[in-house]
Amino acid sequence: MTLPTQIELRARCPEADDLSGLIFRMQITAGYKNPCGIFFPKTDAAGHSRLSAGEIEGQFTDHWEEGLMDYNGSIAEANELVSIRLWDPAPLREGYDELLAWPLFTYQRTRWQSRREYLDYMASCRNAEFTFGGISVHLPETKLLYVSLRRVVAPQAV
């Protein structure tokens, strides 16, 4: 697969004005073992997030470091059909203490000072407030994604 220079994601939700702090996960399949999960940075208040080709390649490489026996294939031979979902932070929150024992991987070290900083960033997402069924798109043709979210629970009146 040839990666686009950048993928832009624009989330929308008619029930919410502030869409900041959401983390989307792109699943890429390369080889015949486990697919790789690539995370978009948190969305801004307008629901926008951007992921560069370099960030995708860096996260893809970290998958190899994280579980060498669990992954095979390369970005170059990856399937062009990828899926985008709202990431589920529940397993991370439940296993937080155990996950602190893991090191930062090569790409993560370019963005984070410590494993705790990375985990706190991920755990602090607002994903539990919204739902999204996911979409599948072809890369590199798709460079701009529009996703429609729904609130899980209506906001409380103040």
N, C-alpha and C. Protein backbone atom coordinates (compact mmCIF):
# COMPACT_ATOMS: atom_id res chain seq x y z
N MET A 1 0.84 -1.17 0.00
CA MET A 1 0.00 0.00 0.00
C MET A 1 0.89 1.24 0.00
N THR A 2 0.49 2.18 -0.76
CA THR A 2 1.13 3.48 -0.75
C THR A 2 0.30 4.36 0.17
N LEU A 3 0.93 4.93 1.17
CA LEU A 3 0.21 5.78 2.12
C LEU A 3 0.03 7.18 1.58
N PRO A 4 -1.13 7.79 1.84
CA PRO A 4 -1.26 9.21 1.51
C PRO A 4 -0.36 10.01 2.45
N THR A 5 0.01 11.20 2.05
CA THR A 5 0.84 12.06 2.89
C THR A 5 0.18 12.31 4.24
N GLN A 6 -1.15 12.45 4.21
CA GLN A 6 -1.91 12.73 5.42
C GLN A 6 -3.34 12.22 5.27
N ILE A 7 -3.90 11.74 6.37
CA ILE A 7 -5.32 11.38 6.41
C ILE A 7 -5.97 12.31 7.42
N GLU A 8 -7.04 12.97 6.99
CA GLU A 8 -7.76 13.86 7.89
C GLU A 8 -9.11 13.23 8.22
N LEU A 9 -9.44 13.25 9.50
CA LEU A 9 -10.71 12.70 9.98
C LEU A 9 -11.52 13.86 10.55
N ARG A 10 -12.78 13.93 10.16
CA ARG A 10 -13.70 14.96 10.66
C ARG A 10 -14.93 14.27 11.22
N ALA A 11 -15.03 14.29 12.53
CA ALA A 11 -16.19 13.69 13.21
C ALA A 11 -17.29 14.74 13.35
N ARG A 12 -18.53 14.24 13.27
CA ARG A 12 -19.70 15.10 13.44
C ARG A 12 -20.66 14.42 14.39
N CYS A 13 -21.37 15.22 15.16
CA CYS A 13 -22.41 14.70 16.04
C CYS A 13 -23.42 15.81 16.27
N PRO A 14 -24.67 15.62 15.81
CA PRO A 14 -25.66 16.68 15.98
C PRO A 14 -26.03 16.93 17.44
N GLU A 15 -25.69 15.99 18.32
CA GLU A 15 -26.06 16.10 19.74
C GLU A 15 -24.94 16.69 20.60
N ALA A 16 -23.82 17.09 19.98
CA ALA A 16 -22.69 17.59 20.76
C ALA A 16 -21.97 18.71 20.02
N ASP A 17 -21.64 19.75 20.75
CA ASP A 17 -20.88 20.86 20.17
C ASP A 17 -19.38 20.64 20.31
N ASP A 18 -18.96 20.05 21.43
CA ASP A 18 -17.54 19.82 21.69
C ASP A 18 -17.21 18.36 21.41
N LEU A 19 -16.41 18.14 20.39
CA LEU A 19 -16.00 16.77 20.04
C LEU A 19 -14.51 16.56 20.31
N SER A 20 -13.98 17.30 21.25
CA SER A 20 -12.56 17.17 21.57
C SER A 20 -12.29 15.89 22.36
N GLY A 21 -11.05 15.43 22.26
CA GLY A 21 -10.59 14.33 23.09
C GLY A 21 -11.00 12.94 22.65
N LEU A 22 -11.37 12.75 21.40
CA LEU A 22 -11.76 11.43 20.89
C LEU A 22 -10.58 10.79 20.17
N ILE A 23 -10.41 9.49 20.35
CA ILE A 23 -9.33 8.77 19.69
C ILE A 23 -9.93 7.70 18.77
N PHE A 24 -9.58 7.80 17.50
CA PHE A 24 -10.02 6.82 16.51
C PHE A 24 -8.86 5.87 16.22
N ARG A 25 -9.22 4.63 15.89
CA ARG A 25 -8.24 3.58 15.60
C ARG A 25 -8.43 3.10 14.17
N MET A 26 -7.36 3.07 13.41
CA MET A 26 -7.39 2.53 12.06
C MET A 26 -6.76 1.14 12.10
N GLN A 27 -7.44 0.16 11.57
CA GLN A 27 -6.92 -1.21 11.53
C GLN A 27 -6.38 -1.50 10.14
N ILE A 28 -5.09 -1.87 10.10
CA ILE A 28 -4.42 -2.20 8.84
C ILE A 28 -4.01 -3.66 8.90
N THR A 29 -4.31 -4.40 7.83
CA THR A 29 -3.93 -5.80 7.75
C THR A 29 -2.75 -5.95 6.79
N ALA A 30 -1.69 -6.56 7.30
CA ALA A 30 -0.50 -6.84 6.49
C ALA A 30 -0.03 -8.23 6.87
N GLY A 31 0.15 -9.09 5.92
CA GLY A 31 0.53 -10.46 6.24
C GLY A 31 -0.69 -11.27 6.64
N TYR A 32 -0.46 -12.39 7.33
CA TYR A 32 -1.57 -13.27 7.68
C TYR A 32 -1.76 -13.40 9.19
N LYS A 33 -1.03 -12.61 9.99
CA LYS A 33 -1.21 -12.65 11.43
C LYS A 33 -2.11 -11.50 11.86
N ASN A 34 -1.95 -11.00 13.07
CA ASN A 34 -2.82 -9.98 13.63
C ASN A 34 -2.73 -8.66 12.86
N PRO A 35 -3.86 -7.96 12.71
CA PRO A 35 -3.82 -6.63 12.09
C PRO A 35 -3.19 -5.63 13.06
N CYS A 36 -2.76 -4.51 12.54
CA CYS A 36 -2.14 -3.45 13.33
C CYS A 36 -3.17 -2.36 13.62
N GLY A 37 -3.17 -1.88 14.83
CA GLY A 37 -4.02 -0.76 15.22
C GLY A 37 -3.21 0.53 15.21
N ILE A 38 -3.63 1.47 14.41
CA ILE A 38 -2.95 2.76 14.27
C ILE A 38 -3.89 3.82 14.84
N PHE A 39 -3.39 4.62 15.77
CA PHE A 39 -4.24 5.59 16.46
C PHE A 39 -4.09 6.99 15.90
N PHE A 40 -5.22 7.63 15.65
CA PHE A 40 -5.24 9.05 15.31
C PHE A 40 -4.99 9.82 16.60
N PRO A 41 -4.36 10.99 16.52
CA PRO A 41 -4.28 11.84 17.71
C PRO A 41 -5.68 12.26 18.15
N LYS A 42 -5.83 12.70 19.38
CA LYS A 42 -7.14 13.14 19.86
C LYS A 42 -7.69 14.24 18.97
N THR A 43 -9.00 14.23 18.84
CA THR A 43 -9.68 15.25 18.04
C THR A 43 -9.66 16.59 18.76
N ASP A 44 -9.77 17.66 17.98
CA ASP A 44 -9.93 18.99 18.57
C ASP A 44 -11.42 19.22 18.83
N ALA A 45 -11.78 20.39 19.31
CA ALA A 45 -13.18 20.68 19.67
C ALA A 45 -14.13 20.52 18.49
N ALA A 46 -13.64 20.76 17.26
CA ALA A 46 -14.47 20.63 16.07
C ALA A 46 -14.57 19.17 15.60
N GLY A 47 -13.84 18.25 16.27
CA GLY A 47 -13.89 16.84 15.88
C GLY A 47 -12.89 16.46 14.81
N HIS A 48 -11.88 17.29 14.60
CA HIS A 48 -10.88 17.03 13.55
C HIS A 48 -9.61 16.42 14.12
N SER A 49 -9.03 15.51 13.35
CA SER A 49 -7.75 14.90 13.68
C SER A 49 -7.02 14.58 12.39
N ARG A 50 -5.70 14.63 12.44
CA ARG A 50 -4.88 14.33 11.25
C ARG A 50 -3.82 13.31 11.62
N LEU A 51 -3.55 12.43 10.67
CA LEU A 51 -2.55 11.39 10.85
C LEU A 51 -1.65 11.41 9.62
N SER A 52 -0.36 11.60 9.84
CA SER A 52 0.58 11.67 8.71
C SER A 52 1.07 10.27 8.35
N ALA A 53 1.62 10.15 7.15
CA ALA A 53 2.20 8.88 6.71
C ALA A 53 3.32 8.46 7.67
N GLY A 54 4.12 9.42 8.14
CA GLY A 54 5.19 9.12 9.08
C GLY A 54 4.67 8.56 10.40
N GLU A 55 3.55 9.10 10.88
CA GLU A 55 2.95 8.59 12.12
C GLU A 55 2.43 7.17 11.92
N ILE A 56 1.85 6.91 10.77
CA ILE A 56 1.36 5.56 10.48
C ILE A 56 2.53 4.58 10.43
N GLU A 57 3.57 4.94 9.72
CA GLU A 57 4.75 4.07 9.62
C GLU A 57 5.39 3.85 10.99
N GLY A 58 5.46 4.90 11.81
CA GLY A 58 6.05 4.77 13.14
C GLY A 58 5.26 3.84 14.03
N GLN A 59 3.94 3.99 14.03
CA GLN A 59 3.10 3.11 14.85
C GLN A 59 3.14 1.68 14.33
N PHE A 60 3.19 1.53 13.03
CA PHE A 60 3.28 0.20 12.42
C PHE A 60 4.57 -0.49 12.89
N THR A 61 5.67 0.23 12.88
CA THR A 61 6.96 -0.31 13.34
C THR A 61 6.89 -0.69 14.82
N ASP A 62 6.22 0.13 15.63
CA ASP A 62 6.09 -0.19 17.06
C ASP A 62 5.36 -1.51 17.28
N HIS A 63 4.43 -1.85 16.40
CA HIS A 63 3.73 -3.14 16.52
C HIS A 63 4.72 -4.30 16.44
N TRP A 64 5.70 -4.17 15.58
CA TRP A 64 6.71 -5.22 15.45
C TRP A 64 7.49 -5.36 16.75
N GLU A 65 7.87 -4.23 17.34
CA GLU A 65 8.60 -4.26 18.61
C GLU A 65 7.75 -4.84 19.73
N GLU A 66 6.49 -4.47 19.73
CA GLU A 66 5.59 -4.88 20.81
C GLU A 66 5.34 -6.38 20.82
N GLY A 67 5.19 -6.97 19.69
CA GLY A 67 4.87 -8.39 19.62
C GLY A 67 5.40 -9.01 18.35
N LEU A 68 6.68 -9.20 18.27
CA LEU A 68 7.34 -9.67 17.06
C LEU A 68 6.70 -10.94 16.50
N MET A 69 6.26 -11.82 17.36
CA MET A 69 5.68 -13.09 16.90
C MET A 69 4.23 -12.92 16.44
N ASP A 70 3.60 -11.80 16.79
CA ASP A 70 2.18 -11.61 16.51
C ASP A 70 1.88 -10.91 15.19
N TYR A 71 2.90 -10.34 14.56
CA TYR A 71 2.69 -9.56 13.35
C TYR A 71 3.65 -10.01 12.26
N ASN A 72 3.21 -9.89 11.03
CA ASN A 72 4.11 -10.07 9.90
C ASN A 72 3.58 -9.22 8.76
N GLY A 73 4.34 -9.09 7.72
CA GLY A 73 3.94 -8.22 6.63
C GLY A 73 4.53 -6.83 6.82
N SER A 74 4.38 -6.01 5.81
CA SER A 74 4.91 -4.65 5.86
C SER A 74 3.85 -3.69 5.34
N ILE A 75 4.07 -2.42 5.57
CA ILE A 75 3.16 -1.39 5.04
C ILE A 75 3.08 -1.50 3.53
N ALA A 76 4.20 -1.75 2.88
CA ALA A 76 4.23 -1.83 1.42
C ALA A 76 3.30 -2.91 0.89
N GLU A 77 3.18 -4.03 1.62
CA GLU A 77 2.31 -5.13 1.17
C GLU A 77 0.97 -5.20 1.90
N ALA A 78 0.66 -4.17 2.68
CA ALA A 78 -0.60 -4.14 3.43
C ALA A 78 -1.80 -4.01 2.50
N ASN A 79 -2.93 -4.53 2.95
CA ASN A 79 -4.18 -4.41 2.23
C ASN A 79 -4.62 -2.95 2.22
N GLU A 80 -5.07 -2.47 1.08
CA GLU A 80 -5.49 -1.07 0.97
C GLU A 80 -6.82 -0.80 1.65
N LEU A 81 -7.59 -1.83 1.97
CA LEU A 81 -8.86 -1.66 2.67
C LEU A 81 -8.59 -1.64 4.17
N VAL A 82 -8.85 -0.52 4.81
CA VAL A 82 -8.62 -0.36 6.24
C VAL A 82 -9.96 -0.03 6.91
N SER A 83 -10.05 -0.28 8.20
CA SER A 83 -11.26 0.09 8.92
C SER A 83 -10.93 1.15 9.97
N ILE A 84 -11.90 2.02 10.20
CA ILE A 84 -11.76 3.11 11.17
C ILE A 84 -12.87 2.93 12.19
N ARG A 85 -12.50 2.93 13.46
CA ARG A 85 -13.46 2.80 14.55
C ARG A 85 -13.09 3.77 15.67
N LEU A 86 -14.07 4.03 16.52
CA LEU A 86 -13.81 4.74 17.75
C LEU A 86 -13.13 3.75 18.68
N TRP A 87 -11.96 4.08 19.18
CA TRP A 87 -11.17 3.16 20.01
C TRP A 87 -11.85 2.94 21.36
N ASP A 88 -11.78 1.71 21.85
CA ASP A 88 -12.36 1.35 23.15
C ASP A 88 -11.27 1.41 24.21
N PRO A 89 -11.32 2.39 25.12
CA PRO A 89 -10.28 2.52 26.15
C PRO A 89 -10.46 1.60 27.35
N ALA A 90 -11.56 0.86 27.43
CA ALA A 90 -11.85 0.04 28.62
C ALA A 90 -10.72 -0.93 28.97
N PRO A 91 -10.19 -1.72 28.01
CA PRO A 91 -9.11 -2.65 28.38
C PRO A 91 -7.87 -1.93 28.93
N LEU A 92 -7.54 -0.78 28.37
CA LEU A 92 -6.39 -0.02 28.86
C LEU A 92 -6.65 0.44 30.30
N ARG A 93 -7.82 0.97 30.55
CA ARG A 93 -8.15 1.46 31.90
C ARG A 93 -8.15 0.31 32.91
N GLU A 94 -8.66 -0.83 32.51
CA GLU A 94 -8.70 -1.99 33.42
C GLU A 94 -7.31 -2.55 33.70
N GLY A 95 -6.44 -2.54 32.72
CA GLY A 95 -5.11 -3.10 32.89
C GLY A 95 -4.01 -2.07 33.04
N TYR A 96 -4.39 -0.87 33.45
CA TYR A 96 -3.46 0.27 33.51
C TYR A 96 -2.16 -0.08 34.24
N ASP A 97 -2.27 -0.60 35.45
CA ASP A 97 -1.06 -0.87 36.24
C ASP A 97 -0.14 -1.88 35.57
N GLU A 98 -0.70 -2.90 34.96
CA GLU A 98 0.12 -3.89 34.26
C GLU A 98 0.79 -3.28 33.02
N LEU A 99 0.08 -2.39 32.35
CA LEU A 99 0.62 -1.77 31.14
C LEU A 99 1.77 -0.80 31.44
N LEU A 100 1.83 -0.30 32.68
CA LEU A 100 2.93 0.58 33.05
C LEU A 100 4.28 -0.13 33.00
N ALA A 101 4.27 -1.45 33.12
CA ALA A 101 5.52 -2.22 33.10
C ALA A 101 6.14 -2.29 31.71
N TRP A 102 5.35 -2.04 30.67
CA TRP A 102 5.87 -2.11 29.31
C TRP A 102 6.75 -0.89 29.04
N PRO A 103 7.73 -1.02 28.16
CA PRO A 103 8.55 0.14 27.80
C PRO A 103 7.83 0.97 26.73
N LEU A 104 8.34 2.18 26.52
CA LEU A 104 7.94 2.93 25.33
C LEU A 104 8.67 2.31 24.15
N PHE A 105 8.00 2.21 23.02
CA PHE A 105 8.63 1.66 21.83
C PHE A 105 9.26 2.79 21.02
N THR A 106 9.97 2.44 19.98
CA THR A 106 10.78 3.41 19.24
C THR A 106 10.00 4.64 18.82
N TYR A 107 8.87 4.49 18.16
CA TYR A 107 8.11 5.66 17.72
C TYR A 107 7.51 6.39 18.92
N GLN A 108 7.00 5.66 19.90
CA GLN A 108 6.41 6.29 21.08
C GLN A 108 7.42 7.20 21.78
N ARG A 109 8.68 6.81 21.79
CA ARG A 109 9.71 7.62 22.45
C ARG A 109 9.90 8.97 21.76
N THR A 110 9.48 9.10 20.51
CA THR A 110 9.58 10.39 19.83
C THR A 110 8.46 11.33 20.25
N ARG A 111 7.42 10.81 20.89
CA ARG A 111 6.26 11.62 21.27
C ARG A 111 6.02 11.75 22.76
N TRP A 112 6.50 10.79 23.54
CA TRP A 112 6.17 10.73 24.96
C TRP A 112 7.44 10.65 25.81
N GLN A 113 7.38 11.23 27.00
CA GLN A 113 8.50 11.18 27.93
C GLN A 113 8.51 9.90 28.76
N SER A 114 7.32 9.32 28.96
CA SER A 114 7.23 8.12 29.80
C SER A 114 6.02 7.29 29.37
N ARG A 115 6.02 6.05 29.80
CA ARG A 115 4.88 5.16 29.54
C ARG A 115 3.63 5.72 30.22
N ARG A 116 3.80 6.26 31.44
CA ARG A 116 2.65 6.85 32.17
C ARG A 116 2.04 8.00 31.37
N GLU A 117 2.87 8.87 30.81
CA GLU A 117 2.35 9.99 30.02
C GLU A 117 1.52 9.48 28.84
N TYR A 118 2.03 8.47 28.14
CA TYR A 118 1.31 7.88 27.01
C TYR A 118 -0.02 7.26 27.47
N LEU A 119 0.03 6.45 28.52
CA LEU A 119 -1.20 5.78 29.00
C LEU A 119 -2.22 6.79 29.50
N ASP A 120 -1.76 7.84 30.20
CA ASP A 120 -2.69 8.86 30.68
C ASP A 120 -3.36 9.59 29.52
N TYR A 121 -2.62 9.86 28.47
CA TYR A 121 -3.19 10.50 27.27
C TYR A 121 -4.29 9.60 26.69
N MET A 122 -3.98 8.34 26.52
CA MET A 122 -4.96 7.42 25.94
C MET A 122 -6.17 7.24 26.84
N ALA A 123 -5.94 7.05 28.14
CA ALA A 123 -7.04 6.79 29.09
C ALA A 123 -7.95 8.00 29.28
N SER A 124 -7.43 9.20 29.03
CA SER A 124 -8.23 10.41 29.25
C SER A 124 -9.15 10.75 28.09
N CYS A 125 -9.23 9.91 27.08
CA CYS A 125 -10.11 10.19 25.95
C CYS A 125 -11.57 10.19 26.39
N ARG A 126 -12.41 10.82 25.60
CA ARG A 126 -13.85 10.92 25.88
C ARG A 126 -14.67 9.92 25.07
N ASN A 127 -14.04 8.86 24.60
CA ASN A 127 -14.70 7.92 23.69
C ASN A 127 -15.95 7.28 24.28
N ALA A 128 -15.99 7.07 25.59
CA ALA A 128 -17.14 6.41 26.21
C ALA A 128 -18.42 7.23 26.09
N GLU A 129 -18.30 8.50 25.74
CA GLU A 129 -19.47 9.37 25.60
C GLU A 129 -20.17 9.23 24.25
N PHE A 130 -19.50 8.55 23.30
CA PHE A 130 -20.02 8.49 21.93
C PHE A 130 -20.00 7.07 21.40
N THR A 131 -20.76 6.87 20.33
CA THR A 131 -20.75 5.57 19.65
C THR A 131 -20.63 5.82 18.15
N PHE A 132 -19.99 4.87 17.50
CA PHE A 132 -19.75 4.96 16.05
C PHE A 132 -19.52 3.54 15.56
N GLY A 133 -20.29 3.11 14.57
CA GLY A 133 -20.22 1.74 14.08
C GLY A 133 -18.98 1.39 13.28
N GLY A 134 -18.27 2.40 12.80
CA GLY A 134 -17.06 2.15 12.03
C GLY A 134 -17.31 2.22 10.54
N ILE A 135 -16.23 2.42 9.80
CA ILE A 135 -16.29 2.45 8.35
C ILE A 135 -15.05 1.76 7.79
N SER A 136 -15.15 1.33 6.57
CA SER A 136 -14.00 0.80 5.85
C SER A 136 -13.74 1.70 4.65
N VAL A 137 -12.47 2.00 4.41
CA VAL A 137 -12.09 2.87 3.30
C VAL A 137 -10.85 2.31 2.62
N HIS A 138 -10.62 2.76 1.40
CA HIS A 138 -9.42 2.37 0.66
C HIS A 138 -8.36 3.48 0.77
N LEU A 139 -7.16 3.08 1.09
CA LEU A 139 -6.03 3.99 1.06
C LEU A 139 -5.20 3.63 -0.16
N PRO A 140 -4.60 4.53 -0.83
CA PRO A 140 -4.45 5.94 -0.50
C PRO A 140 -5.53 6.84 -1.08
N GLU A 141 -6.54 6.28 -1.75
CA GLU A 141 -7.57 7.11 -2.39
C GLU A 141 -8.29 8.00 -1.39
N THR A 142 -8.58 7.48 -0.21
CA THR A 142 -9.34 8.22 0.78
C THR A 142 -8.37 9.00 1.67
N LYS A 143 -8.44 10.30 1.59
CA LYS A 143 -7.55 11.16 2.40
C LYS A 143 -8.33 12.01 3.38
N LEU A 144 -9.64 12.09 3.17
CA LEU A 144 -10.51 12.88 4.04
C LEU A 144 -11.69 12.01 4.45
N LEU A 145 -11.83 11.79 5.74
CA LEU A 145 -12.89 10.93 6.28
C LEU A 145 -13.91 11.77 7.04
N TYR A 146 -15.18 11.55 6.76
CA TYR A 146 -16.25 12.15 7.54
C TYR A 146 -16.94 11.02 8.29
N VAL A 147 -17.01 11.15 9.61
CA VAL A 147 -17.66 10.11 10.41
C VAL A 147 -18.75 10.74 11.26
N SER A 148 -19.87 10.05 11.37
CA SER A 148 -21.01 10.54 12.14
C SER A 148 -21.12 9.76 13.44
N LEU A 149 -21.09 10.49 14.53
CA LEU A 149 -21.16 9.90 15.87
C LEU A 149 -22.53 10.11 16.47
N ARG A 150 -22.83 9.32 17.48
CA ARG A 150 -24.03 9.50 18.30
C ARG A 150 -23.58 9.55 19.75
N ARG A 151 -24.27 10.32 20.55
CA ARG A 151 -24.00 10.34 21.98
C ARG A 151 -24.50 9.05 22.60
N VAL A 152 -23.75 8.51 23.54
CA VAL A 152 -24.18 7.30 24.25
C VAL A 152 -25.30 7.68 25.21
N VAL A 153 -25.12 8.77 25.93
CA VAL A 153 -26.12 9.26 26.88
C VAL A 153 -26.31 10.74 26.60
N ALA A 154 -27.55 11.18 26.63
CA ALA A 154 -27.81 12.60 26.42
C ALA A 154 -27.17 13.41 27.54
N PRO A 155 -26.65 14.60 27.22
CA PRO A 155 -26.03 15.43 28.26
C PRO A 155 -27.06 15.86 29.30
N GLN A 156 -26.62 15.99 30.53
CA GLN A 156 -27.49 16.42 31.64
C GLN A 156 -27.66 17.93 31.61
N ALA A 157 -28.87 18.39 31.89
CA ALA A 157 -29.15 19.82 31.99
C ALA A 157 -28.49 20.35 33.26
N VAL A 158 -27.95 21.55 33.18
CA VAL A 158 -27.27 22.14 34.34
C VAL A 158 -28.20 23.08 35.06
